[in-house]
Amino acid sequence: MAFRSSMDAFMYAMHESAACKDLKVEYEVGFMRNGIKHCNVQLSYCGGGYSIDAYDGEADELCGAVKEYLATPHVPADMPRI
């Protein structure tokens, strides 16, 4: 599947994984030899998953979205809400 941006791919993967209880999101940031920033995001869930790569300014946007997601407490869908 082709996406217009890494953020589109991330949003698609998050939507696809919404029904799974075992979602795991990890990311790694680094720089390539030419100095361009690289962000790799790994999403694994329900026996499947995605790997998303972003470079340069798009890497900042993607990693920022992942950091925000990881900093937000998430309540499992089947947990009763008070």
C-alpha atoms as a PDB file:
ATOM      1  CA  MET A   1       0.000   0.000   0.000  1.00  0.00           C
ATOM      2  CA  ALA A   2       1.315   3.472  -0.836  1.00  0.00           C
ATOM      3  CA  PHE A   3       0.767   6.557   1.330  1.00  0.00           C
ATOM      4  CA  ARG A   4       1.298  10.248   0.627  1.00  0.00           C
ATOM      5  CA  SER A   5       3.297  10.729   3.828  1.00  0.00           C
ATOM      6  CA  SER A   6       4.583   8.876   6.857  1.00  0.00           C
ATOM      7  CA  MET A   7       1.859  10.543   8.949  1.00  0.00           C
ATOM      8  CA  ASP A   8      -0.818   9.109   6.630  1.00  0.00           C
ATOM      9  CA  ALA A   9       0.757   5.667   7.087  1.00  0.00           C
ATOM     10  CA  PHE A  10       0.883   6.113  10.886  1.00  0.00           C
ATOM     11  CA  MET A  11      -2.758   7.204  11.068  1.00  0.00           C
ATOM     12  CA  TYR A  12      -3.801   4.251   8.871  1.00  0.00           C
ATOM     13  CA  ALA A  13      -1.869   1.785  11.043  1.00  0.00           C
ATOM     14  CA  MET A  14      -3.365   3.240  14.237  1.00  0.00           C
ATOM     15  CA  HIS A  15      -6.859   2.922  12.760  1.00  0.00           C
ATOM     16  CA  GLU A  16      -6.168  -0.677  11.681  1.00  0.00           C
ATOM     17  CA  SER A  17      -4.942  -1.597  15.169  1.00  0.00           C
ATOM     18  CA  ALA A  18      -7.803   0.052  17.072  1.00  0.00           C
ATOM     19  CA  ALA A  19      -9.569  -3.251  17.821  1.00  0.00           C
ATOM     20  CA  CYS A  20      -6.433  -4.953  19.189  1.00  0.00           C
ATOM     21  CA  LYS A  21      -5.551  -5.029  22.857  1.00  0.00           C
ATOM     22  CA  ASP A  22      -1.884  -5.827  22.330  1.00  0.00           C
ATOM     23  CA  LEU A  23      -0.746  -2.761  20.379  1.00  0.00           C
ATOM     24  CA  LYS A  24       2.950  -2.021  20.799  1.00  0.00           C
ATOM     25  CA  VAL A  25       4.462   1.193  19.409  1.00  0.00           C
ATOM     26  CA  GLU A  26       8.211   1.831  19.370  1.00  0.00           C
ATOM     27  CA  TYR A  27      10.339   4.386  17.581  1.00  0.00           C
ATOM     28  CA  GLU A  28      13.967   5.177  16.964  1.00  0.00           C
ATOM     29  CA  VAL A  29      15.513   8.444  15.819  1.00  0.00           C
ATOM     30  CA  GLY A  30      18.912   8.800  14.231  1.00  0.00           C
ATOM     31  CA  PHE A  31      20.892  10.574  11.578  1.00  0.00           C
ATOM     32  CA  MET A  32      22.154   9.145   8.317  1.00  0.00           C
ATOM     33  CA  ARG A  33      25.770   9.685   7.229  1.00  0.00           C
ATOM     34  CA  ASN A  34      24.734  12.699   5.162  1.00  0.00           C
ATOM     35  CA  GLY A  35      23.210  14.371   8.252  1.00  0.00           C
ATOM     36  CA  ILE A  36      19.541  13.825   7.355  1.00  0.00           C
ATOM     37  CA  LYS A  37      17.335  12.891  10.300  1.00  0.00           C
ATOM     38  CA  HIS A  38      15.651   9.483  10.166  1.00  0.00           C
ATOM     39  CA  CYS A  39      12.732   8.223  12.262  1.00  0.00           C
ATOM     40  CA  ASN A  40      11.644   4.581  12.239  1.00  0.00           C
ATOM     41  CA  VAL A  41       8.361   3.576  13.883  1.00  0.00           C
ATOM     42  CA  GLN A  42       7.408  -0.032  14.581  1.00  0.00           C
ATOM     43  CA  LEU A  43       3.776  -0.917  15.297  1.00  0.00           C
ATOM     44  CA  SER A  44       2.921  -4.501  16.163  1.00  0.00           C
ATOM     45  CA  TYR A  45      -0.507  -5.862  17.031  1.00  0.00           C
ATOM     46  CA  CYS A  46      -2.735  -8.940  16.661  1.00  0.00           C
ATOM     47  CA  GLY A  47       0.023 -10.912  14.968  1.00  0.00           C
ATOM     48  CA  GLY A  48       0.707  -8.228  12.349  1.00  0.00           C
ATOM     49  CA  GLY A  49       2.324  -4.853  12.170  1.00  0.00           C
ATOM     50  CA  TYR A  50       3.892  -1.998  10.265  1.00  0.00           C
ATOM     51  CA  SER A  51       7.283  -0.380   9.949  1.00  0.00           C
ATOM     52  CA  ILE A  52       7.231   3.280   8.920  1.00  0.00           C
ATOM     53  CA  ASP A  53      10.265   5.344   7.953  1.00  0.00           C
ATOM     54  CA  ALA A  54      10.433   9.121   7.667  1.00  0.00           C
ATOM     55  CA  TYR A  55      13.268  11.476   6.775  1.00  0.00           C
ATOM     56  CA  ASP A  56      14.215  15.099   7.394  1.00  0.00           C
ATOM     57  CA  GLY A  57      11.278  17.359   8.378  1.00  0.00           C
ATOM     58  CA  GLU A  58       8.810  14.516   8.029  1.00  0.00           C
ATOM     59  CA  ALA A  59      10.857  12.594  10.628  1.00  0.00           C
ATOM     60  CA  ASP A  60      10.244  15.395  13.148  1.00  0.00           C
ATOM     61  CA  GLU A  61       6.511  15.304  12.467  1.00  0.00           C
ATOM     62  CA  LEU A  62       6.216  11.518  12.707  1.00  0.00           C
ATOM     63  CA  CYS A  63       8.328  11.128  15.846  1.00  0.00           C
ATOM     64  CA  GLY A  64       6.484  14.027  17.463  1.00  0.00           C
ATOM     65  CA  ALA A  65       3.152  12.296  16.824  1.00  0.00           C
ATOM     66  CA  VAL A  66       4.484   9.009  18.229  1.00  0.00           C
ATOM     67  CA  LYS A  67       5.875  10.734  21.337  1.00  0.00           C
ATOM     68  CA  GLU A  68       2.494  12.397  21.872  1.00  0.00           C
ATOM     69  CA  TYR A  69       0.697   9.062  21.459  1.00  0.00           C
ATOM     70  CA  LEU A  70       3.026   7.333  23.937  1.00  0.00           C
ATOM     71  CA  ALA A  71       2.640  10.143  26.493  1.00  0.00           C
ATOM     72  CA  THR A  72      -1.167   9.883  26.441  1.00  0.00           C
ATOM     73  CA  PRO A  73      -2.742   7.303  28.756  1.00  0.00           C
ATOM     74  CA  HIS A  74      -4.856   4.809  26.831  1.00  0.00           C
ATOM     75  CA  VAL A  75      -7.818   2.897  28.224  1.00  0.00           C
ATOM     76  CA  PRO A  76      -8.509  -0.531  26.685  1.00  0.00           C
ATOM     77  CA  ALA A  77     -11.754  -0.599  24.696  1.00  0.00           C
ATOM     78  CA  ASP A  78     -13.286  -3.329  26.886  1.00  0.00           C
ATOM     79  CA  MET A  79     -12.504  -1.576  30.197  1.00  0.00           C
ATOM     80  CA  PRO A  80     -15.581  -0.040  31.881  1.00  0.00           C
ATOM     81  CA  ARG A  81     -15.471   3.748  31.957  1.00  0.00           C
ATOM     82  CA  ILE A  82     -16.335   5.600  35.134  1.00  0.00           C
END
